[in-house]
Amino acid sequence: MAALTTQSLVDAGTAPTFGAAAASDTAEVGNGHNTFYVVKNGGGAPINVTIAVPGNTSYGQATPDPVIAVPNGGEKWIPLRREYANASVAGVGRCTITTSAQTSVTVAVVRVG
């Protein structure tokens, strides 16, 4: 598991540094509206990115984990919502993100503002 570093956009423009995806990464969620998990899939097949959401719904069912499909050769900017934070596993203000494949997949965490 890798603890990804959040990169902030700057007025002069930003070119985020991407690193190899791990099977499981942790990322800062920020204020829940300004931080994104950016994933580039350079592989030959689609992948799935899953964000582990802690807790249960008001009906006692496990809160569903969002699964985002990233096509081969594609890129997605996935908002990291405050509800994704799981201090007991990932650390205060951080969430856990898994990818279904890591070959030719690169990621970055980017904060706007």
N, C-alpha and C. Protein backbone atom coordinates (compact mmCIF):
# COMPACT_ATOMS: atom_id res chain seq x y z
N MET A 1 0.85 -1.17 0.00
CA MET A 1 0.00 0.00 0.00
C MET A 1 0.89 1.23 0.00
N ALA A 2 0.57 2.16 -0.89
CA ALA A 2 1.34 3.39 -0.97
C ALA A 2 0.48 4.56 -0.51
N ALA A 3 1.08 5.43 0.30
CA ALA A 3 0.40 6.67 0.72
C ALA A 3 0.77 7.74 -0.32
N LEU A 4 -0.17 8.09 -1.17
CA LEU A 4 0.08 9.03 -2.24
C LEU A 4 0.16 10.46 -1.72
N THR A 5 1.04 11.25 -2.31
CA THR A 5 1.22 12.65 -1.94
C THR A 5 0.29 13.51 -2.77
N THR A 6 -0.40 14.45 -2.13
CA THR A 6 -1.30 15.35 -2.82
C THR A 6 -0.50 16.47 -3.47
N GLN A 7 -0.80 16.74 -4.74
CA GLN A 7 -0.15 17.80 -5.48
C GLN A 7 -1.17 18.92 -5.73
N SER A 8 -0.78 20.15 -5.43
CA SER A 8 -1.69 21.28 -5.59
C SER A 8 -1.48 21.97 -6.93
N LEU A 9 -2.60 22.37 -7.56
CA LEU A 9 -2.51 23.17 -8.78
C LEU A 9 -2.01 24.56 -8.41
N VAL A 10 -1.21 25.14 -9.28
CA VAL A 10 -0.69 26.49 -9.05
C VAL A 10 -1.09 27.39 -10.22
N ASP A 11 -1.09 28.69 -9.99
CA ASP A 11 -1.54 29.65 -11.00
C ASP A 11 -0.71 29.58 -12.28
N ALA A 12 0.55 29.25 -12.17
CA ALA A 12 1.41 29.19 -13.35
C ALA A 12 1.18 27.93 -14.17
N GLY A 13 0.29 27.07 -13.70
CA GLY A 13 0.03 25.80 -14.39
C GLY A 13 0.73 24.66 -13.69
N THR A 14 0.14 23.50 -13.78
CA THR A 14 0.67 22.34 -13.08
C THR A 14 0.69 21.13 -14.01
N ALA A 15 1.77 20.42 -13.98
CA ALA A 15 1.87 19.13 -14.66
C ALA A 15 2.09 18.10 -13.56
N PRO A 16 1.02 17.44 -13.11
CA PRO A 16 1.18 16.49 -12.00
C PRO A 16 2.20 15.40 -12.31
N THR A 17 2.88 14.97 -11.28
CA THR A 17 3.80 13.84 -11.39
C THR A 17 3.00 12.58 -11.12
N PHE A 18 3.03 11.65 -12.07
CA PHE A 18 2.30 10.39 -11.93
C PHE A 18 3.26 9.30 -11.51
N GLY A 19 2.76 8.39 -10.68
CA GLY A 19 3.54 7.24 -10.24
C GLY A 19 2.77 5.96 -10.54
N ALA A 20 3.45 4.85 -10.43
CA ALA A 20 2.82 3.56 -10.68
C ALA A 20 1.73 3.29 -9.64
N ALA A 21 0.62 2.76 -10.09
CA ALA A 21 -0.47 2.38 -9.17
C ALA A 21 -0.07 1.13 -8.41
N ALA A 22 -0.45 1.09 -7.15
CA ALA A 22 -0.30 -0.12 -6.35
C ALA A 22 -1.65 -0.82 -6.30
N ALA A 23 -1.67 -2.06 -5.88
CA ALA A 23 -2.96 -2.76 -5.76
C ALA A 23 -3.87 -2.00 -4.81
N SER A 24 -3.28 -1.35 -3.80
CA SER A 24 -4.04 -0.56 -2.84
C SER A 24 -3.23 0.68 -2.48
N ASP A 25 -3.83 1.85 -2.64
CA ASP A 25 -3.20 3.12 -2.31
C ASP A 25 -4.08 3.85 -1.30
N THR A 26 -3.48 4.81 -0.59
CA THR A 26 -4.28 5.71 0.24
C THR A 26 -4.06 7.12 -0.27
N ALA A 27 -5.12 7.95 -0.14
CA ALA A 27 -5.04 9.32 -0.64
C ALA A 27 -5.81 10.25 0.27
N GLU A 28 -5.36 11.50 0.34
CA GLU A 28 -6.04 12.54 1.10
C GLU A 28 -7.36 12.88 0.40
N VAL A 29 -8.41 13.09 1.18
CA VAL A 29 -9.69 13.46 0.59
C VAL A 29 -9.90 14.98 0.54
N GLY A 30 -9.06 15.75 1.19
CA GLY A 30 -9.20 17.21 1.18
C GLY A 30 -10.52 17.62 1.82
N ASN A 31 -11.15 18.66 1.24
CA ASN A 31 -12.40 19.13 1.82
C ASN A 31 -13.61 18.38 1.25
N GLY A 32 -13.35 17.40 0.42
CA GLY A 32 -14.42 16.60 -0.15
C GLY A 32 -14.93 17.12 -1.47
N HIS A 33 -14.41 18.26 -1.94
CA HIS A 33 -14.85 18.83 -3.20
C HIS A 33 -13.70 19.26 -4.10
N ASN A 34 -12.48 19.29 -3.58
CA ASN A 34 -11.39 19.87 -4.35
C ASN A 34 -10.23 18.93 -4.64
N THR A 35 -10.34 17.66 -4.27
CA THR A 35 -9.23 16.73 -4.42
C THR A 35 -9.66 15.57 -5.30
N PHE A 36 -8.78 15.19 -6.24
CA PHE A 36 -9.11 14.18 -7.23
C PHE A 36 -8.03 13.11 -7.31
N TYR A 37 -8.46 11.87 -7.51
CA TYR A 37 -7.57 10.76 -7.83
C TYR A 37 -7.56 10.66 -9.34
N VAL A 38 -6.41 10.90 -9.94
CA VAL A 38 -6.29 10.88 -11.39
C VAL A 38 -5.61 9.57 -11.78
N VAL A 39 -6.27 8.81 -12.64
CA VAL A 39 -5.73 7.52 -13.05
C VAL A 39 -5.65 7.47 -14.57
N LYS A 40 -4.49 7.05 -15.07
CA LYS A 40 -4.26 6.86 -16.50
C LYS A 40 -4.03 5.37 -16.75
N ASN A 41 -4.80 4.81 -17.64
CA ASN A 41 -4.67 3.40 -17.96
C ASN A 41 -3.99 3.25 -19.32
N GLY A 42 -2.70 2.96 -19.29
CA GLY A 42 -1.94 2.76 -20.53
C GLY A 42 -1.93 1.31 -20.96
N GLY A 43 -2.66 0.45 -20.25
CA GLY A 43 -2.69 -0.97 -20.57
C GLY A 43 -3.62 -1.29 -21.73
N GLY A 44 -3.67 -2.54 -22.08
CA GLY A 44 -4.46 -3.00 -23.21
C GLY A 44 -5.87 -3.42 -22.86
N ALA A 45 -6.27 -3.29 -21.61
CA ALA A 45 -7.61 -3.71 -21.19
C ALA A 45 -8.16 -2.71 -20.18
N PRO A 46 -9.48 -2.61 -20.09
CA PRO A 46 -10.07 -1.73 -19.08
C PRO A 46 -9.72 -2.20 -17.66
N ILE A 47 -9.74 -1.25 -16.73
CA ILE A 47 -9.52 -1.58 -15.32
C ILE A 47 -10.66 -0.98 -14.50
N ASN A 48 -10.77 -1.42 -13.27
CA ASN A 48 -11.72 -0.84 -12.32
C ASN A 48 -10.96 -0.23 -11.16
N VAL A 49 -11.39 0.94 -10.74
CA VAL A 49 -10.88 1.61 -9.55
C VAL A 49 -12.00 1.57 -8.52
N THR A 50 -11.70 1.07 -7.33
CA THR A 50 -12.70 0.96 -6.26
C THR A 50 -12.26 1.79 -5.08
N ILE A 51 -13.18 2.59 -4.55
CA ILE A 51 -12.90 3.39 -3.36
C ILE A 51 -13.66 2.76 -2.20
N ALA A 52 -12.92 2.39 -1.16
CA ALA A 52 -13.52 1.75 0.01
C ALA A 52 -14.21 2.82 0.86
N VAL A 53 -15.51 2.68 1.04
CA VAL A 53 -16.27 3.64 1.84
C VAL A 53 -16.61 3.00 3.17
N PRO A 54 -16.20 3.61 4.29
CA PRO A 54 -16.46 3.00 5.59
C PRO A 54 -17.90 3.16 6.04
N GLY A 55 -18.29 2.35 6.98
CA GLY A 55 -19.57 2.53 7.66
C GLY A 55 -20.75 1.85 7.00
N ASN A 56 -21.91 2.12 7.60
CA ASN A 56 -23.17 1.55 7.15
C ASN A 56 -24.17 2.64 6.83
N THR A 57 -25.15 2.30 6.02
CA THR A 57 -26.25 3.22 5.74
C THR A 57 -27.15 3.30 6.97
N SER A 58 -28.16 4.17 6.91
CA SER A 58 -29.10 4.28 8.03
C SER A 58 -29.94 3.01 8.18
N TYR A 59 -29.91 2.14 7.19
CA TYR A 59 -30.64 0.86 7.24
C TYR A 59 -29.77 -0.29 7.73
N GLY A 60 -28.53 0.02 8.12
CA GLY A 60 -27.64 -1.01 8.66
C GLY A 60 -26.91 -1.81 7.60
N GLN A 61 -27.04 -1.44 6.33
CA GLN A 61 -26.33 -2.12 5.26
C GLN A 61 -24.99 -1.43 5.04
N ALA A 62 -24.00 -2.20 4.61
CA ALA A 62 -22.69 -1.61 4.32
C ALA A 62 -22.83 -0.54 3.24
N THR A 63 -22.16 0.58 3.47
CA THR A 63 -22.16 1.65 2.48
C THR A 63 -21.50 1.12 1.21
N PRO A 64 -22.12 1.32 0.05
CA PRO A 64 -21.53 0.77 -1.18
C PRO A 64 -20.23 1.46 -1.56
N ASP A 65 -19.32 0.68 -2.11
CA ASP A 65 -18.04 1.20 -2.58
C ASP A 65 -18.18 1.56 -4.06
N PRO A 66 -17.92 2.82 -4.43
CA PRO A 66 -18.00 3.17 -5.85
C PRO A 66 -16.93 2.45 -6.65
N VAL A 67 -17.32 1.96 -7.83
CA VAL A 67 -16.39 1.32 -8.76
C VAL A 67 -16.43 2.12 -10.05
N ILE A 68 -15.27 2.62 -10.45
CA ILE A 68 -15.17 3.46 -11.64
C ILE A 68 -14.38 2.70 -12.70
N ALA A 69 -14.97 2.52 -13.88
CA ALA A 69 -14.29 1.84 -14.98
C ALA A 69 -13.42 2.84 -15.73
N VAL A 70 -12.18 2.44 -16.00
CA VAL A 70 -11.25 3.26 -16.77
C VAL A 70 -10.89 2.46 -18.02
N PRO A 71 -11.25 2.95 -19.21
CA PRO A 71 -10.99 2.19 -20.43
C PRO A 71 -9.51 2.11 -20.75
N ASN A 72 -9.13 1.12 -21.54
CA ASN A 72 -7.73 1.04 -21.96
C ASN A 72 -7.40 2.31 -22.76
N GLY A 73 -6.24 2.88 -22.46
CA GLY A 73 -5.84 4.13 -23.09
C GLY A 73 -6.57 5.35 -22.54
N GLY A 74 -7.35 5.17 -21.47
CA GLY A 74 -8.17 6.25 -20.93
C GLY A 74 -7.61 6.88 -19.67
N GLU A 75 -8.25 7.97 -19.28
CA GLU A 75 -7.89 8.72 -18.07
C GLU A 75 -9.17 9.15 -17.38
N LYS A 76 -9.19 9.07 -16.05
CA LYS A 76 -10.34 9.54 -15.26
C LYS A 76 -9.84 10.39 -14.10
N TRP A 77 -10.60 11.45 -13.81
CA TRP A 77 -10.39 12.28 -12.62
C TRP A 77 -11.53 11.95 -11.68
N ILE A 78 -11.23 11.31 -10.57
CA ILE A 78 -12.25 10.81 -9.66
C ILE A 78 -12.27 11.69 -8.40
N PRO A 79 -13.39 12.37 -8.11
CA PRO A 79 -13.46 13.20 -6.90
C PRO A 79 -13.34 12.33 -5.65
N LEU A 80 -12.55 12.80 -4.70
CA LEU A 80 -12.39 12.09 -3.42
C LEU A 80 -13.26 12.79 -2.39
N ARG A 81 -14.42 12.24 -2.15
CA ARG A 81 -15.42 12.83 -1.25
C ARG A 81 -15.02 12.63 0.21
N ARG A 82 -15.43 13.55 1.04
CA ARG A 82 -15.14 13.50 2.48
C ARG A 82 -15.67 12.21 3.11
N GLU A 83 -16.79 11.69 2.58
CA GLU A 83 -17.39 10.46 3.11
C GLU A 83 -16.50 9.24 2.91
N TYR A 84 -15.50 9.34 2.04
CA TYR A 84 -14.60 8.21 1.77
C TYR A 84 -13.52 8.05 2.84
N ALA A 85 -13.30 9.08 3.66
CA ALA A 85 -12.21 9.04 4.65
C ALA A 85 -12.44 7.92 5.65
N ASN A 86 -11.38 7.18 5.93
CA ASN A 86 -11.44 6.06 6.87
C ASN A 86 -10.20 6.09 7.75
N ALA A 87 -10.27 6.82 8.84
CA ALA A 87 -9.11 7.01 9.72
C ALA A 87 -8.60 5.71 10.31
N SER A 88 -9.48 4.73 10.50
CA SER A 88 -9.04 3.49 11.15
C SER A 88 -8.15 2.65 10.25
N VAL A 89 -8.20 2.87 8.94
CA VAL A 89 -7.38 2.08 8.01
C VAL A 89 -6.35 2.94 7.30
N ALA A 90 -6.79 4.07 6.77
CA ALA A 90 -5.93 4.84 5.88
C ALA A 90 -5.22 6.01 6.56
N GLY A 91 -5.68 6.44 7.72
CA GLY A 91 -5.13 7.60 8.39
C GLY A 91 -6.13 8.74 8.34
N VAL A 92 -6.00 9.70 9.23
CA VAL A 92 -6.97 10.79 9.33
C VAL A 92 -7.04 11.55 8.00
N GLY A 93 -8.27 11.72 7.50
CA GLY A 93 -8.49 12.45 6.26
C GLY A 93 -8.04 11.74 5.01
N ARG A 94 -7.88 10.41 5.08
CA ARG A 94 -7.41 9.65 3.93
C ARG A 94 -8.40 8.52 3.61
N CYS A 95 -8.38 8.08 2.36
CA CYS A 95 -9.22 6.98 1.94
C CYS A 95 -8.36 5.90 1.29
N THR A 96 -8.94 4.72 1.12
CA THR A 96 -8.25 3.60 0.48
C THR A 96 -8.83 3.38 -0.90
N ILE A 97 -7.92 3.25 -1.89
CA ILE A 97 -8.31 3.08 -3.28
C ILE A 97 -7.60 1.85 -3.82
N THR A 98 -8.34 0.97 -4.50
CA THR A 98 -7.73 -0.21 -5.11
C THR A 98 -7.94 -0.18 -6.62
N THR A 99 -6.99 -0.75 -7.34
CA THR A 99 -7.13 -0.88 -8.79
C THR A 99 -7.06 -2.36 -9.14
N SER A 100 -7.86 -2.76 -10.14
CA SER A 100 -7.96 -4.17 -10.51
C SER A 100 -6.73 -4.66 -11.25
N ALA A 101 -5.92 -3.78 -11.80
CA ALA A 101 -4.66 -4.14 -12.47
C ALA A 101 -3.72 -2.96 -12.32
N GLN A 102 -2.43 -3.24 -12.29
CA GLN A 102 -1.46 -2.16 -12.09
C GLN A 102 -0.52 -1.98 -13.27
N THR A 103 -0.46 -2.94 -14.19
CA THR A 103 0.45 -2.86 -15.31
C THR A 103 0.06 -1.69 -16.21
N SER A 104 1.01 -0.79 -16.44
CA SER A 104 0.80 0.39 -17.29
C SER A 104 -0.26 1.34 -16.76
N VAL A 105 -0.51 1.32 -15.44
CA VAL A 105 -1.46 2.23 -14.81
C VAL A 105 -0.68 3.20 -13.93
N THR A 106 -0.90 4.50 -14.14
CA THR A 106 -0.25 5.52 -13.33
C THR A 106 -1.30 6.39 -12.67
N VAL A 107 -0.93 6.94 -11.50
CA VAL A 107 -1.89 7.70 -10.71
C VAL A 107 -1.24 8.95 -10.12
N ALA A 108 -2.11 9.90 -9.77
CA ALA A 108 -1.69 11.11 -9.05
C ALA A 108 -2.89 11.59 -8.24
N VAL A 109 -2.62 12.31 -7.16
CA VAL A 109 -3.67 12.96 -6.38
C VAL A 109 -3.46 14.46 -6.55
N VAL A 110 -4.52 15.14 -7.04
CA VAL A 110 -4.41 16.55 -7.38
C VAL A 110 -5.47 17.34 -6.62
N ARG A 111 -5.04 18.46 -6.00
CA ARG A 111 -5.95 19.34 -5.28
C ARG A 111 -6.07 20.66 -6.04
N VAL A 112 -7.30 21.10 -6.22
CA VAL A 112 -7.59 22.38 -6.87
C VAL A 112 -7.85 23.41 -5.78
N GLY A 113 -7.22 24.55 -5.87
CA GLY A 113 -7.47 25.63 -4.93
C GLY A 113 -6.62 25.60 -3.70
